[in-house]
Each structure stands twice: as structure tokens, then as C-alpha cells.
């Protein structure tokens, strides 16, 4: 698949079918994430690979979309390292770039994906930190899930809006 086609056809999949993924596909998704650009190449993140989604069940009430993760063979928690940059800057952007690369790689490989946002200082974030033993100075930033699509959507029309483009200045 071409990059622009993957961008146009990727959607937040909310219906999955229980199934497996090839190990090489899992690796390709993780590698795509780690190929993301990073401010000053600090790469202030670690990835927790979740292949047993039942580990997330204790948090079910704290995140409505979490129930969608249980049929999926791969979820990834992106954890930012707050000590990689003394000014505490760019961790969110770097984590988002990692996430987007993984989402597009999964689309390219034919899998569905879902991004579950993590609100800062939420019970959900604290629960993830506890369940996965995340050390001080690190915090859960983004939770992604990948699996066999149980729904298919047509490529959406372009979201390009000329009115949102400003040349030179507002």
C-alpha cells in the first residue's frame, strides 16, 4: 500500500474479530513506531507490548473504549520518559509521532487499529502505571490496539479544506 492511501484509508476500528497476527507484522508495527521522528533524536519513550489484553480488565470502568481491546492480539502502551529532556518538552509530540507511524503501518498491513487517549493525571493513567510497573519519571501517554478488522469502511473523502490554509500569515 502507498503511504497516501494508508493515510486516506485508516480509521478508528471499533469492531474487531478475535484472531492472531504474524510475529513479523507485530515487529513491523513496532519498528515503524520507533522509526518516527523525535525532537533532537532523544526518543523519550518506551513501548510496552501487551499480548494478553486481559491484563487491562481491572481498568475497564475507567476507560469506555477499553472493552474494544479484548479481542486484539496486540496492544502497545507508549510510555514517555520525563527525564530524557531537562525542559520537559516534546514528549507528547514524539509519542504522537510514534503512535501515528504504528497506526499507518497496521493499516498498510491490513489490520484495524484504535487509539485510546490517556488523560493526564487521570485514574486511567495511574492504573496503567500501576498494572505495568512503570517507574518514577515515566508516564503512560498513549494506548493503541491492533487486530483483525470486524468492520470495513470506504476510503473517506478528502478532509482538505482550503479555508484552513493560510499562506504567509493569518
C-alpha atoms as a PDB file:
ATOM      1  CA  UNK A   1       0.000   0.000   0.000  1.00  0.00           C
ATOM      2  CA  UNK A   2       1.201   3.510  -0.657  1.00  0.00           C
ATOM      3  CA  UNK A   3       1.603   5.963   2.205  1.00  0.00           C
ATOM      4  CA  UNK A   4      -1.092   8.371   0.985  1.00  0.00           C
ATOM      5  CA  UNK A   5      -3.543   5.505   0.544  1.00  0.00           C
ATOM      6  CA  UNK A   6      -2.818   4.288   4.093  1.00  0.00           C
ATOM      7  CA  UNK A   7      -3.457   7.802   5.407  1.00  0.00           C
ATOM      8  CA  UNK A   8      -6.748   8.089   3.498  1.00  0.00           C
ATOM      9  CA  UNK A   9      -7.995   4.621   4.434  1.00  0.00           C
ATOM     10  CA  UNK A  10      -7.011   4.434   8.119  1.00  0.00           C
ATOM     11  CA  UNK A  11      -9.917   4.699  10.560  1.00  0.00           C
ATOM     12  CA  UNK A  12     -10.507   4.060  14.249  1.00  0.00           C
ATOM     13  CA  UNK A  13     -11.741   0.495  14.192  1.00  0.00           C
ATOM     14  CA  UNK A  14     -14.344  -0.212  16.859  1.00  0.00           C
ATOM     15  CA  UNK A  15     -15.258  -3.751  15.853  1.00  0.00           C
ATOM     16  CA  UNK A  16     -12.637  -6.443  15.917  1.00  0.00           C
ATOM     17  CA  UNK A  17     -12.692 -10.175  15.291  1.00  0.00           C
ATOM     18  CA  UNK A  18     -10.723 -12.438  17.594  1.00  0.00           C
ATOM     19  CA  UNK A  19      -7.622 -13.609  15.769  1.00  0.00           C
ATOM     20  CA  UNK A  20      -3.862 -13.626  15.639  1.00  0.00           C
ATOM     21  CA  UNK A  21      -1.196 -11.572  13.976  1.00  0.00           C
ATOM     22  CA  UNK A  22       2.017 -12.774  12.403  1.00  0.00           C
ATOM     23  CA  UNK A  23       5.030 -12.096  14.596  1.00  0.00           C
ATOM     24  CA  UNK A  24       6.715 -10.313  11.684  1.00  0.00           C
ATOM     25  CA  UNK A  25       3.709  -7.978  11.393  1.00  0.00           C
ATOM     26  CA  UNK A  26       3.895  -7.143  15.105  1.00  0.00           C
ATOM     27  CA  UNK A  27       7.588  -6.431  14.697  1.00  0.00           C
ATOM     28  CA  UNK A  28       6.935  -4.277  11.605  1.00  0.00           C
ATOM     29  CA  UNK A  29       4.390  -2.174  13.529  1.00  0.00           C
ATOM     30  CA  UNK A  30       6.783  -1.674  16.445  1.00  0.00           C
ATOM     31  CA  UNK A  31       9.657  -0.876  14.110  1.00  0.00           C
ATOM     32  CA  UNK A  32       7.525   1.679  12.263  1.00  0.00           C
ATOM     33  CA  UNK A  33       6.792   3.374  15.574  1.00  0.00           C
ATOM     34  CA  UNK A  34      10.444   3.525  16.506  1.00  0.00           C
ATOM     35  CA  UNK A  35      11.243   4.999  13.096  1.00  0.00           C
ATOM     36  CA  UNK A  36       9.240   8.124  13.930  1.00  0.00           C
ATOM     37  CA  UNK A  37      10.959  11.489  14.058  1.00  0.00           C
ATOM     38  CA  UNK A  38      11.930  12.708  17.507  1.00  0.00           C
ATOM     39  CA  UNK A  39      12.936  16.177  18.671  1.00  0.00           C
ATOM     40  CA  UNK A  40      16.725  16.265  18.944  1.00  0.00           C
ATOM     41  CA  UNK A  41      16.593  12.459  18.417  1.00  0.00           C
ATOM     42  CA  UNK A  42      16.070  11.988  22.149  1.00  0.00           C
ATOM     43  CA  UNK A  43      13.400   9.301  21.588  1.00  0.00           C
ATOM     44  CA  UNK A  44      11.838   9.866  25.037  1.00  0.00           C
ATOM     45  CA  UNK A  45       9.649   6.796  25.019  1.00  0.00           C
ATOM     46  CA  UNK A  46       9.441   3.115  25.790  1.00  0.00           C
ATOM     47  CA  UNK A  47       6.854   0.708  24.413  1.00  0.00           C
ATOM     48  CA  UNK A  48       5.048  -1.878  26.498  1.00  0.00           C
ATOM     49  CA  UNK A  49       3.798  -4.694  24.272  1.00  0.00           C
ATOM     50  CA  UNK A  50       0.545  -6.188  25.544  1.00  0.00           C
ATOM     51  CA  UNK A  51      -0.312  -9.559  24.063  1.00  0.00           C
ATOM     52  CA  UNK A  52      -2.701 -10.601  26.826  1.00  0.00           C
ATOM     53  CA  UNK A  53      -5.424  -7.934  26.844  1.00  0.00           C
ATOM     54  CA  UNK A  54      -6.973  -9.437  29.997  1.00  0.00           C
ATOM     55  CA  UNK A  55      -4.303  -7.583  31.958  1.00  0.00           C
ATOM     56  CA  UNK A  56      -6.286  -4.406  31.162  1.00  0.00           C
ATOM     57  CA  UNK A  57      -9.595  -5.689  32.558  1.00  0.00           C
ATOM     58  CA  UNK A  58      -9.192  -4.123  36.050  1.00  0.00           C
ATOM     59  CA  UNK A  59      -9.261  -0.688  34.352  1.00  0.00           C
ATOM     60  CA  UNK A  60     -12.390  -1.317  32.294  1.00  0.00           C
ATOM     61  CA  UNK A  61     -14.592   1.135  34.191  1.00  0.00           C
ATOM     62  CA  UNK A  62     -12.081   3.960  33.835  1.00  0.00           C
ATOM     63  CA  UNK A  63     -11.995   3.969  30.007  1.00  0.00           C
ATOM     64  CA  UNK A  64     -15.131   3.312  27.915  1.00  0.00           C
ATOM     65  CA  UNK A  65     -13.260   2.101  24.809  1.00  0.00           C
ATOM     66  CA  UNK A  66     -11.143  -0.408  26.727  1.00  0.00           C
ATOM     67  CA  UNK A  67     -13.650  -3.187  26.076  1.00  0.00           C
ATOM     68  CA  UNK A  68     -12.728  -2.970  22.396  1.00  0.00           C
ATOM     69  CA  UNK A  69      -9.195  -4.165  23.170  1.00  0.00           C
ATOM     70  CA  UNK A  70     -10.067  -7.641  24.451  1.00  0.00           C
ATOM     71  CA  UNK A  71     -10.233  -9.439  21.101  1.00  0.00           C
ATOM     72  CA  UNK A  72      -6.980  -7.985  19.843  1.00  0.00           C
ATOM     73  CA  UNK A  73      -3.680  -9.836  19.720  1.00  0.00           C
ATOM     74  CA  UNK A  74      -1.561  -6.698  20.137  1.00  0.00           C
ATOM     75  CA  UNK A  75      -1.825  -3.521  22.158  1.00  0.00           C
ATOM     76  CA  UNK A  76       1.000  -1.091  22.768  1.00  0.00           C
ATOM     77  CA  UNK A  77       1.343   1.368  25.621  1.00  0.00           C
ATOM     78  CA  UNK A  78       3.604   4.287  24.759  1.00  0.00           C
ATOM     79  CA  UNK A  79       5.312   5.494  27.922  1.00  0.00           C
ATOM     80  CA  UNK A  80       7.166   8.800  27.912  1.00  0.00           C
ATOM     81  CA  UNK A  81      10.421   9.250  29.776  1.00  0.00           C
ATOM     82  CA  UNK A  82      10.219  12.605  31.508  1.00  0.00           C
ATOM     83  CA  UNK A  83      13.960  12.609  32.192  1.00  0.00           C
ATOM     84  CA  UNK A  84      15.088  12.478  28.532  1.00  0.00           C
ATOM     85  CA  UNK A  85      14.656  16.208  28.138  1.00  0.00           C
ATOM     86  CA  UNK A  86      15.546  18.549  31.007  1.00  0.00           C
ATOM     87  CA  UNK A  87      12.978  21.117  29.811  1.00  0.00           C
ATOM     88  CA  UNK A  88      10.151  18.540  29.766  1.00  0.00           C
ATOM     89  CA  UNK A  89       9.346  19.433  26.181  1.00  0.00           C
ATOM     90  CA  UNK A  90       8.319  17.465  23.107  1.00  0.00           C
ATOM     91  CA  UNK A  91       7.457  14.186  24.824  1.00  0.00           C
ATOM     92  CA  UNK A  92       3.812  14.409  23.695  1.00  0.00           C
ATOM     93  CA  UNK A  93       4.748  15.226  20.108  1.00  0.00           C
ATOM     94  CA  UNK A  94       7.296  12.430  19.968  1.00  0.00           C
ATOM     95  CA  UNK A  95       4.807   9.922  21.409  1.00  0.00           C
ATOM     96  CA  UNK A  96       2.168  11.050  18.898  1.00  0.00           C
ATOM     97  CA  UNK A  97       4.602  10.552  16.010  1.00  0.00           C
ATOM     98  CA  UNK A  98       5.364   7.025  17.257  1.00  0.00           C
ATOM     99  CA  UNK A  99       1.634   6.296  17.504  1.00  0.00           C
ATOM    100  CA  UNK A 100       0.811   7.634  14.046  1.00  0.00           C
ATOM    101  CA  UNK A 101       3.575   5.595  12.430  1.00  0.00           C
ATOM    102  CA  UNK A 102       2.275   2.432  14.112  1.00  0.00           C
ATOM    103  CA  UNK A 103      -1.335   3.158  13.117  1.00  0.00           C
ATOM    104  CA  UNK A 104      -0.347   3.679   9.481  1.00  0.00           C
ATOM    105  CA  UNK A 105       1.853   0.573   9.451  1.00  0.00           C
ATOM    106  CA  UNK A 106      -1.055  -1.508  10.771  1.00  0.00           C
ATOM    107  CA  UNK A 107      -3.326  -0.099   8.060  1.00  0.00           C
ATOM    108  CA  UNK A 108      -0.735  -0.905   5.427  1.00  0.00           C
ATOM    109  CA  UNK A 109      -0.557  -4.488   6.724  1.00  0.00           C
ATOM    110  CA  UNK A 110      -4.355  -4.840   6.632  1.00  0.00           C
ATOM    111  CA  UNK A 111      -5.093  -4.606  10.373  1.00  0.00           C
ATOM    112  CA  UNK A 112      -7.515  -2.435  12.264  1.00  0.00           C
ATOM    113  CA  UNK A 113      -6.327  -0.096  14.969  1.00  0.00           C
ATOM    114  CA  UNK A 114      -7.649   2.079  17.755  1.00  0.00           C
ATOM    115  CA  UNK A 115      -6.049   4.918  19.715  1.00  0.00           C
ATOM    116  CA  UNK A 116      -7.211   5.273  23.320  1.00  0.00           C
ATOM    117  CA  UNK A 117      -6.199   8.653  24.661  1.00  0.00           C
ATOM    118  CA  UNK A 118      -4.863   8.919  28.183  1.00  0.00           C
ATOM    119  CA  UNK A 119      -5.877  11.990  30.132  1.00  0.00           C
ATOM    120  CA  UNK A 120      -3.059  13.451  32.180  1.00  0.00           C
ATOM    121  CA  UNK A 121      -3.307  12.699  35.917  1.00  0.00           C
ATOM    122  CA  UNK A 122      -6.402  10.521  35.403  1.00  0.00           C
ATOM    123  CA  UNK A 123      -7.323   7.354  37.285  1.00  0.00           C
ATOM    124  CA  UNK A 124      -6.805   5.506  33.990  1.00  0.00           C
ATOM    125  CA  UNK A 125      -3.239   6.798  33.680  1.00  0.00           C
ATOM    126  CA  UNK A 126      -2.479   5.923  37.307  1.00  0.00           C
ATOM    127  CA  UNK A 127      -3.994   2.465  36.846  1.00  0.00           C
ATOM    128  CA  UNK A 128      -1.862   1.780  33.778  1.00  0.00           C
ATOM    129  CA  UNK A 129       1.251   2.894  35.643  1.00  0.00           C
ATOM    130  CA  UNK A 130       0.425   0.534  38.494  1.00  0.00           C
ATOM    131  CA  UNK A 131      -0.512  -2.506  36.385  1.00  0.00           C
ATOM    132  CA  UNK A 132       2.609  -2.276  34.240  1.00  0.00           C
ATOM    133  CA  UNK A 133       5.041  -1.262  36.998  1.00  0.00           C
ATOM    134  CA  UNK A 134       6.044   1.962  35.279  1.00  0.00           C
ATOM    135  CA  UNK A 135       8.903   3.587  37.202  1.00  0.00           C
ATOM    136  CA  UNK A 136       9.007   7.135  38.539  1.00  0.00           C
ATOM    137  CA  UNK A 137       9.957   9.673  35.899  1.00  0.00           C
ATOM    138  CA  UNK A 138       7.911   7.841  33.262  1.00  0.00           C
ATOM    139  CA  UNK A 139       4.204   8.086  32.463  1.00  0.00           C
ATOM    140  CA  UNK A 140       1.697   6.369  30.186  1.00  0.00           C
ATOM    141  CA  UNK A 141       0.901   8.658  27.255  1.00  0.00           C
ATOM    142  CA  UNK A 142      -0.922   6.681  24.534  1.00  0.00           C
ATOM    143  CA  UNK A 143      -2.544   3.252  24.370  1.00  0.00           C
ATOM    144  CA  UNK A 144      -3.010   1.634  20.953  1.00  0.00           C
ATOM    145  CA  UNK A 145      -4.640  -1.620  19.956  1.00  0.00           C
ATOM    146  CA  UNK A 146      -4.269  -3.644  16.759  1.00  0.00           C
ATOM    147  CA  UNK A 147      -6.238  -6.562  15.444  1.00  0.00           C
ATOM    148  CA  UNK A 148      -8.355  -8.185  12.769  1.00  0.00           C
ATOM    149  CA  UNK A 149     -10.943  -5.716  11.478  1.00  0.00           C
ATOM    150  CA  UNK A 150     -14.537  -6.654  12.134  1.00  0.00           C
ATOM    151  CA  UNK A 151     -15.706  -3.658  10.175  1.00  0.00           C
ATOM    152  CA  UNK A 152     -14.620  -2.087   6.926  1.00  0.00           C
ATOM    153  CA  UNK A 153     -15.102   1.485   5.876  1.00  0.00           C
ATOM    154  CA  UNK A 154     -14.771   3.005   2.477  1.00  0.00           C
ATOM    155  CA  UNK A 155     -11.887   5.344   1.916  1.00  0.00           C
ATOM    156  CA  UNK A 156     -13.191   8.626   3.264  1.00  0.00           C
ATOM    157  CA  UNK A 157     -13.353  11.706   1.087  1.00  0.00           C
ATOM    158  CA  UNK A 158     -10.531  14.173   1.389  1.00  0.00           C
ATOM    159  CA  UNK A 159     -10.623  16.282   4.539  1.00  0.00           C
ATOM    160  CA  UNK A 160      -8.698  19.043   2.830  1.00  0.00           C
ATOM    161  CA  UNK A 161     -10.274  22.454   3.492  1.00  0.00           C
ATOM    162  CA  UNK A 162      -8.926  25.396   1.561  1.00  0.00           C
ATOM    163  CA  UNK A 163     -10.347  27.781   4.216  1.00  0.00           C
ATOM    164  CA  UNK A 164      -7.947  26.297   6.794  1.00  0.00           C
ATOM    165  CA  UNK A 165      -4.894  27.128   4.679  1.00  0.00           C
ATOM    166  CA  UNK A 166      -3.206  30.469   5.320  1.00  0.00           C
ATOM    167  CA  UNK A 167      -0.305  31.479   3.113  1.00  0.00           C
ATOM    168  CA  UNK A 168       2.385  33.590   4.745  1.00  0.00           C
ATOM    169  CA  UNK A 169       0.233  34.756   7.646  1.00  0.00           C
ATOM    170  CA  UNK A 170      -3.270  34.514   9.067  1.00  0.00           C
END
